[in-house]
Amino acid sequence: MATIFSKIASGEIPSYKVAENEDFYAFLDINPLAEGHTLVIPRKVETDYIFDLDEDTYAGLCLFARKVAAAIREAVPCKRVGVAVLGMEVPHTHIHLVPLNSESDLDFRKKKLELAPEEFERIAKSIADKYAGL
């Protein structure tokens, strides 16, 4: 059975796409910790735990996430982009990329931002444009 993230990557469920290639997909988290909070997933593998990925998928996911993080850093004012792999809520490996100005910005217990669809679209386009230019 396909996970919600597989359905997002295939276009069955809409998302605010940031970047994609044949193997990986990046989209804005709809419950973001910060503007630009992005999820990066493998398209073809629905493994629940990142360290259970085969080596090629793991390496490819990390390299793809690195490029997405560079685009986020150019598009969203921040000191750096934090990385978190929790994976407790959706059984599909995913990497959180969160723009940070302090360490406390990466606290998943804090209240999530509430953004209008137009704001999500603007942020996604900005990051996607930077990604395309890398």
Protein backbone atom coordinates (compact mmCIF):
# COMPACT_ATOMS: atom_id res chain seq x y z
CA MET A 1 0.00 0.00 0.00
CA ALA A 2 1.42 3.39 -1.01
CA THR A 3 2.27 5.88 1.72
CA ILE A 4 0.93 9.42 1.71
CA PHE A 5 4.40 10.58 0.64
CA SER A 6 4.40 8.23 -2.37
CA LYS A 7 1.01 9.64 -3.32
CA ILE A 8 2.40 13.17 -3.02
CA ALA A 9 5.44 12.33 -5.17
CA SER A 10 3.25 10.73 -7.84
CA GLY A 11 0.90 13.74 -7.95
CA GLU A 12 -2.12 11.88 -6.52
CA ILE A 13 -2.09 14.30 -3.59
CA PRO A 14 -1.20 17.95 -4.23
CA SER A 15 1.93 19.46 -2.69
CA TYR A 16 4.10 22.54 -2.85
CA LYS A 17 6.92 21.04 -4.90
CA VAL A 18 10.38 22.49 -4.41
CA ALA A 19 12.51 20.08 -6.47
CA GLU A 20 12.41 16.66 -8.05
CA ASN A 21 14.23 14.21 -10.21
CA GLU A 22 13.54 10.63 -11.22
CA ASP A 23 14.55 9.24 -7.83
CA PHE A 24 13.74 11.94 -5.25
CA TYR A 25 11.11 14.55 -4.46
CA ALA A 26 11.19 17.65 -2.21
CA PHE A 27 8.12 19.58 -1.06
CA LEU A 28 7.16 22.05 1.64
CA ASP A 29 6.00 20.67 4.97
CA ILE A 30 2.37 21.77 5.42
CA ASN A 31 2.97 22.10 9.18
CA PRO A 32 6.26 24.00 9.05
CA LEU A 33 8.55 25.00 11.89
CA ALA A 34 9.77 27.89 9.70
CA GLU A 35 9.11 29.33 6.25
CA GLY A 36 10.87 27.04 3.79
CA HIS A 37 10.65 23.87 5.96
CA THR A 38 10.99 21.18 3.32
CA LEU A 39 10.66 17.39 3.26
CA VAL A 40 12.88 15.30 1.00
CA ILE A 41 11.88 11.73 0.13
CA PRO A 42 12.94 8.87 -2.12
CA ARG A 43 10.36 8.23 -4.85
CA LYS A 44 10.88 4.53 -5.50
CA VAL A 45 11.56 3.20 -2.02
CA GLU A 46 9.00 3.27 0.81
CA THR A 47 11.41 2.17 3.52
CA ASP A 48 10.32 3.43 6.93
CA TYR A 49 13.79 3.87 8.48
CA ILE A 50 16.50 5.87 6.70
CA PHE A 51 19.30 3.51 7.76
CA ASP A 52 17.47 0.58 6.15
CA LEU A 53 17.80 2.21 2.70
CA ASP A 54 20.17 0.56 0.27
CA GLU A 55 23.49 2.40 -0.02
CA ASP A 56 22.80 3.97 -3.43
CA THR A 57 19.41 5.33 -2.39
CA TYR A 58 20.80 6.62 0.91
CA ALA A 59 23.72 8.38 -0.79
CA GLY A 60 21.49 9.78 -3.54
CA LEU A 61 18.94 11.06 -1.02
CA CYS A 62 21.65 12.85 0.96
CA LEU A 63 23.16 14.43 -2.16
CA PHE A 64 19.73 15.54 -3.40
CA ALA A 65 18.90 16.98 0.06
CA ARG A 66 22.22 18.85 0.05
CA LYS A 67 21.31 20.62 -3.19
CA VAL A 68 17.80 21.40 -1.92
CA ALA A 69 19.31 22.81 1.31
CA ALA A 70 21.57 25.09 -0.75
CA ALA A 71 18.51 26.38 -2.61
CA ILE A 72 16.61 26.93 0.64
CA ARG A 73 19.53 28.88 2.08
CA GLU A 74 19.56 31.18 -0.96
CA ALA A 75 15.77 31.62 -1.00
CA VAL A 76 14.98 32.00 2.71
CA PRO A 77 16.84 34.37 5.04
CA CYS A 78 18.59 32.09 7.55
CA LYS A 79 21.99 31.38 9.07
CA ARG A 80 21.91 27.76 7.96
CA VAL A 81 19.58 24.90 7.12
CA GLY A 82 19.09 22.32 9.83
CA VAL A 83 18.60 18.63 9.12
CA ALA A 84 16.39 16.25 11.07
CA VAL A 85 15.39 12.67 10.42
CA LEU A 86 12.58 11.63 12.71
CA GLY A 87 10.22 9.59 10.60
CA MET A 88 7.84 8.70 13.37
CA GLU A 89 4.65 10.09 11.81
CA VAL A 90 4.85 8.71 8.24
CA PRO A 91 6.37 5.28 7.49
CA HIS A 92 8.36 6.58 4.51
CA THR A 93 11.94 7.80 4.89
CA HIS A 94 12.06 11.59 4.85
CA ILE A 95 14.53 14.29 5.70
CA HIS A 96 13.39 17.58 7.24
CA LEU A 97 15.32 20.63 6.01
CA VAL A 98 14.53 23.61 8.25
CA PRO A 99 15.86 27.17 7.84
CA LEU A 100 17.52 28.15 11.12
CA ASN A 101 18.57 31.35 12.82
CA SER A 102 19.08 29.66 16.20
CA GLU A 103 19.20 26.09 17.51
CA SER A 104 15.77 26.50 19.09
CA ASP A 105 14.28 26.84 15.58
CA LEU A 106 14.63 23.05 15.23
CA ASP A 107 12.30 22.21 18.12
CA PHE A 108 9.47 20.04 16.81
CA ARG A 109 7.47 20.63 20.00
CA LYS A 110 6.94 24.32 19.23
CA LYS A 111 3.82 25.67 17.57
CA LYS A 112 3.86 25.23 13.80
CA LEU A 113 3.43 28.16 11.44
CA GLU A 114 0.08 28.72 9.80
CA LEU A 115 0.58 29.92 6.23
CA ALA A 116 -1.92 30.75 3.51
CA PRO A 117 -1.78 28.76 0.26
CA GLU A 118 -0.40 31.85 -1.51
CA GLU A 119 2.49 31.99 0.97
CA PHE A 120 3.28 28.31 0.44
CA GLU A 121 3.21 28.86 -3.32
CA ARG A 122 5.52 31.89 -3.09
CA ILE A 123 8.02 30.07 -0.89
CA ALA A 124 7.98 26.91 -3.02
CA LYS A 125 8.53 28.92 -6.20
CA SER A 126 11.38 30.88 -4.65
CA ILE A 127 13.19 27.71 -3.54
CA ALA A 128 12.44 25.94 -6.83
CA ASP A 129 13.89 28.88 -8.79
CA LYS A 130 17.08 28.81 -6.71
CA TYR A 131 17.29 25.02 -7.10
CA ALA A 132 16.99 25.31 -10.89
CA GLY A 133 19.85 27.82 -10.88
CA LEU A 134 22.29 25.54 -9.01
